[in-house]
Protein backbone atom coordinates (compact mmCIF):
# COMPACT_ATOMS: atom_id res chain seq x y z
CA MET A 1 19.96 -11.10 7.06
CA THR A 2 19.46 -7.49 8.69
CA SER A 3 19.02 -4.32 6.89
CA ALA A 4 22.28 -2.93 7.96
CA ARG A 5 24.19 -5.87 6.02
CA LEU A 6 22.04 -5.44 2.86
CA PRO A 7 22.95 -3.56 -0.09
CA GLU A 8 21.44 -0.01 -0.73
CA PRO A 9 18.94 0.17 -3.65
CA GLY A 10 20.45 0.88 -6.87
CA SER A 11 23.85 -0.68 -5.92
CA SER A 12 23.87 -3.47 -8.53
CA GLU A 13 24.40 -3.21 -12.27
CA ARG A 14 20.92 -4.43 -12.86
CA THR A 15 19.32 -1.98 -10.42
CA ARG A 16 21.30 1.21 -11.20
CA VAL A 17 19.03 3.92 -12.60
CA ARG A 18 19.99 5.02 -16.21
CA ARG A 19 16.93 6.86 -16.99
CA ILE A 20 16.82 10.17 -15.29
CA PRO A 21 19.11 9.08 -12.89
CA GLU A 22 18.48 12.04 -10.54
CA ASN A 23 15.37 10.61 -9.66
CA ALA A 24 17.05 7.43 -8.04
CA VAL A 25 17.22 7.12 -4.48
CA ASN A 26 19.70 5.07 -2.95
CA ASP A 27 18.20 4.78 0.60
CA ARG A 28 16.96 1.76 2.15
CA ALA A 29 14.42 3.61 4.45
CA ALA A 30 12.87 5.14 1.08
CA LEU A 31 12.53 1.63 -0.13
CA GLU A 32 10.85 0.34 3.18
CA HIS A 33 8.45 3.38 3.24
CA ILE A 34 7.04 2.76 -0.32
CA LEU A 35 6.48 -0.83 0.33
CA ASP A 36 4.96 -0.12 3.86
CA ALA A 37 2.49 2.24 1.98
CA GLY A 38 1.58 0.32 -1.00
CA LEU A 39 -1.38 -2.19 -1.06
CA VAL A 40 -0.84 -3.74 -4.55
CA ALA A 41 2.27 -5.11 -6.07
CA HIS A 42 2.86 -6.37 -9.47
CA VAL A 43 4.80 -9.51 -10.08
CA ALA A 44 6.46 -10.44 -13.38
CA VAL A 45 6.40 -14.19 -14.47
CA THR A 46 6.79 -16.05 -17.68
CA ASP A 47 5.13 -19.13 -18.72
CA ASP A 48 6.36 -22.67 -20.19
CA GLU A 49 6.02 -21.11 -23.58
CA GLY A 50 7.84 -17.82 -22.98
CA GLN A 51 4.97 -15.75 -22.61
CA PRO A 52 5.40 -12.89 -20.11
CA TYR A 53 2.69 -12.15 -17.65
CA VAL A 54 2.51 -9.32 -14.92
CA VAL A 55 0.24 -10.33 -11.93
CA PRO A 56 -1.29 -7.93 -9.30
CA VAL A 57 -0.74 -9.33 -5.79
CA ALA A 58 -1.63 -8.22 -2.35
CA PHE A 59 1.84 -8.01 -0.46
CA ALA A 60 3.48 -6.89 2.95
CA ARG A 61 6.92 -6.26 3.88
CA ARG A 62 8.26 -8.52 6.66
CA GLY A 63 11.71 -7.12 7.72
CA ASP A 64 14.03 -7.60 4.96
CA GLU A 65 11.64 -9.64 2.72
CA VAL A 66 8.41 -8.92 0.78
CA LEU A 67 5.53 -11.32 0.95
CA PHE A 68 2.65 -12.27 -1.44
CA HIS A 69 0.38 -15.19 -2.08
CA GLY A 70 -1.78 -16.82 -4.90
CA SER A 71 -3.53 -19.98 -5.93
CA THR A 72 -1.63 -23.35 -5.69
CA GLY A 73 -3.57 -24.12 -8.86
CA SER A 74 -1.89 -21.16 -10.65
CA ARG A 75 1.05 -22.37 -12.98
CA LEU A 76 2.28 -18.90 -12.91
CA PHE A 77 2.89 -19.19 -9.01
CA ARG A 78 4.04 -22.64 -9.36
CA GLY A 79 6.95 -21.18 -11.69
CA LEU A 80 7.93 -18.81 -9.12
CA ALA A 81 8.03 -21.37 -6.31
CA GLU A 82 10.32 -23.65 -8.59
CA GLY A 83 12.92 -20.83 -8.90
CA GLN A 84 12.15 -18.76 -11.76
CA PRO A 85 13.43 -15.07 -11.37
CA THR A 86 10.92 -12.51 -10.98
CA CYS A 87 10.77 -8.83 -10.75
CA LEU A 88 8.15 -7.23 -8.19
CA THR A 89 7.28 -3.39 -8.41
CA VAL A 90 5.08 -1.08 -6.19
CA THR A 91 4.21 2.42 -7.48
CA LEU A 92 2.53 5.03 -5.35
CA LEU A 93 1.22 7.97 -7.52
CA ALA A 94 1.36 11.61 -5.90
CA GLY A 95 0.30 13.91 -8.57
CA LEU A 96 0.06 14.82 -12.41
CA VAL A 97 2.71 16.92 -13.65
CA VAL A 98 1.23 19.55 -16.22
CA ALA A 99 3.90 20.83 -18.33
CA LEU A 100 3.91 23.39 -21.08
CA SER A 101 4.76 20.70 -23.48
CA ALA A 102 3.28 17.27 -23.90
CA PHE A 103 6.72 15.87 -23.75
CA GLU A 104 7.50 17.26 -20.16
CA SER A 105 4.28 16.41 -18.80
CA SER A 106 4.58 13.71 -16.13
CA MET A 107 3.57 12.27 -12.83
CA ASN A 108 4.85 12.67 -9.25
CA TYR A 109 5.56 9.19 -7.84
CA ARG A 110 7.34 6.82 -5.59
CA SER A 111 8.39 3.64 -6.88
CA ALA A 112 10.22 0.34 -6.00
CA MET A 113 11.37 -2.52 -7.82
CA VAL A 114 12.89 -5.79 -6.36
CA LEU A 115 14.74 -8.56 -8.43
CA GLY A 116 15.28 -11.99 -7.28
CA VAL A 117 13.88 -15.65 -6.97
CA ALA A 118 11.09 -16.04 -4.69
CA ARG A 119 10.84 -19.13 -2.11
CA ARG A 120 7.76 -20.79 -1.12
CA LEU A 121 6.83 -20.48 2.77
CA THR A 122 5.41 -23.39 4.73
CA GLY A 123 4.25 -24.31 8.03
CA ASP A 124 4.32 -21.77 10.92
CA ASP A 125 6.21 -19.46 8.68
CA GLU A 126 3.58 -19.45 6.05
CA LEU A 127 0.80 -18.70 8.62
CA ASP A 128 2.89 -15.96 10.05
CA ALA A 129 3.42 -14.52 6.61
CA LEU A 130 -0.25 -14.63 5.66
CA ARG A 131 -0.89 -12.82 9.25
CA CYS A 132 1.49 -10.13 7.92
CA ILE A 133 -0.42 -9.52 4.67
CA THR A 134 -3.66 -9.32 6.55
CA GLU A 135 -2.48 -6.97 9.00
CA HIS A 136 -0.65 -4.83 6.34
CA LEU A 137 -4.02 -4.66 4.09
CA LEU A 138 -6.54 -4.63 7.30
CA PRO A 139 -4.59 -3.48 10.26
CA GLY A 140 -6.12 -5.20 13.59
CA ARG A 141 -8.29 -7.69 11.51
CA TRP A 142 -6.30 -10.82 12.12
CA SER A 143 -7.17 -11.41 15.62
CA ASP A 144 -10.85 -10.41 15.09
CA CYS A 145 -11.59 -13.00 11.86
CA ARG A 146 -11.43 -16.72 11.49
CA GLN A 147 -8.13 -18.03 10.97
CA PRO A 148 -7.15 -20.08 7.75
CA ILE A 149 -8.29 -23.62 8.01
CA PRO A 150 -6.28 -26.60 6.29
CA LYS A 151 -8.46 -26.60 2.99
CA GLU A 152 -7.66 -22.85 2.58
CA ARG A 153 -4.26 -23.37 3.46
CA ALA A 154 -3.87 -26.07 0.94
CA ALA A 155 -5.16 -23.95 -1.68
CA THR A 156 -2.77 -20.99 -1.09
CA MET A 157 0.86 -20.37 -2.11
CA THR A 158 2.59 -17.99 -0.11
CA LEU A 159 6.02 -16.64 -1.51
CA ALA A 160 8.89 -14.57 0.10
CA LEU A 161 11.39 -12.38 -1.98
CA ASP A 162 14.38 -11.11 -0.15
CA LEU A 163 15.11 -7.09 -0.52
CA VAL A 164 18.60 -7.73 -1.59
CA GLU A 165 18.56 -6.25 -5.24
CA CYS A 166 16.27 -3.17 -5.43
CA SER A 167 15.87 0.34 -6.81
CA VAL A 168 14.03 3.35 -6.00
CA LYS A 169 12.80 6.20 -8.06
CA ILE A 170 11.09 9.15 -6.66
CA ARG A 171 9.79 12.13 -8.69
CA SER A 172 8.57 15.20 -7.29
CA GLY A 173 7.87 18.97 -7.79
CA ASP A 174 6.88 21.11 -10.48
CA PRO A 175 7.44 20.63 -14.24
CA ASP A 176 10.72 20.54 -15.61
CA ASP A 177 9.66 22.79 -18.80
CA ASP A 178 12.34 23.74 -21.49
CA PRO A 179 13.50 27.46 -21.04
CA ASP A 180 12.61 28.01 -24.61
CA ASP A 181 8.79 27.04 -23.63
CA ARG A 182 9.18 29.36 -20.65
CA ALA A 183 10.17 32.00 -22.81
CA ASN A 184 7.62 31.47 -25.67
CA PRO A 185 5.25 34.32 -25.73
CA ASP A 186 2.70 32.00 -27.33
CA LEU A 187 2.68 29.92 -24.26
CA ARG A 188 2.81 32.70 -21.60
CA ASP A 189 -0.93 32.37 -20.73
CA THR A 190 -0.69 28.61 -20.76
CA TRP A 191 -1.32 27.04 -17.24
CA SER A 192 1.29 24.64 -15.91
CA GLY A 193 1.73 23.07 -12.47
CA THR A 194 0.83 20.19 -10.55
CA VAL A 195 -2.40 18.29 -9.62
CA PRO A 196 -2.14 16.30 -6.27
CA ILE A 197 -3.65 12.81 -6.34
CA HIS A 198 -4.98 11.98 -2.70
CA GLU A 199 -6.01 8.33 -1.78
CA SER A 200 -8.45 7.85 0.95
CA PHE A 201 -10.85 5.43 2.47
CA GLY A 202 -14.59 6.05 2.80
CA THR A 203 -16.99 5.31 5.38
CA PRO A 204 -17.35 1.58 6.11
CA VAL A 205 -20.37 0.02 4.72
CA ARG A 206 -21.66 -3.34 6.44
CA SER A 207 -22.15 -6.30 4.41
CA ASP A 208 -26.13 -7.41 3.99
CA TYR A 209 -25.72 -10.42 6.24
CA CYS A 210 -24.03 -8.20 9.12
CA LEU A 211 -26.46 -7.53 11.93
CA ALA A 212 -27.61 -4.10 11.95
CA GLN A 213 -26.84 -3.73 15.84
CA THR A 214 -23.00 -5.06 15.23
CA ILE A 215 -20.94 -2.11 15.84
CA THR A 216 -18.02 -1.25 13.09
CA PRO A 217 -14.63 -2.00 15.10
CA GLU A 218 -12.53 0.86 16.15
CA TYR A 219 -9.64 -0.36 14.23
CA VAL A 220 -11.73 -0.26 10.92
CA GLU A 221 -13.14 3.41 11.70
CA GLY A 222 -9.48 4.21 12.34
CA TRP A 223 -8.14 3.12 8.96
CA HIS A 224 -7.17 6.12 7.09
CA ARG A 225 -4.75 7.09 3.96
């Protein structure tokens, strides 16, 4: 299935944004940008006793699906592989919104939500998914490190979730203060605005067992956010 044939975010009843609908973005490119920029997703799963859990996972987008993996020994991941419906979310924070009131204080963000049923990948398809996840988190590393061996593959469960039913919300800009607060003389000297949040990588630090003469790869030196 290609992106041109897939529905836009927010087009289903379950994904239509009802709370602050003006922040909804019905643009598939925005969905892909959020997924491509995120490093951690959260996946919802319920165990056999009905207890819900939210699990952080490494992930990557591959075309029109999002990939993530966990342990084959996890009962939660086995439930996902067996067809339990799930919800995957990714949120990117851009700043704190400092309003004149506690009620209007907020955050600037980009967020994506994906609903559906994941499927387990096997064989070469799974190996390619593991490559995609590695390259998403550590660009350039896959061809420069040891590939997964059968024992590691057997311990890993790799899942794919189609990007069919999704929603996107984005908030940006200044506080949305109440006009009465803006006109209130008692708040005239109260500061309001935004505090940007910047995410960045630091200088690479070699491991204790890495030889001192080993040069840090150019692809690692080039990682930036």
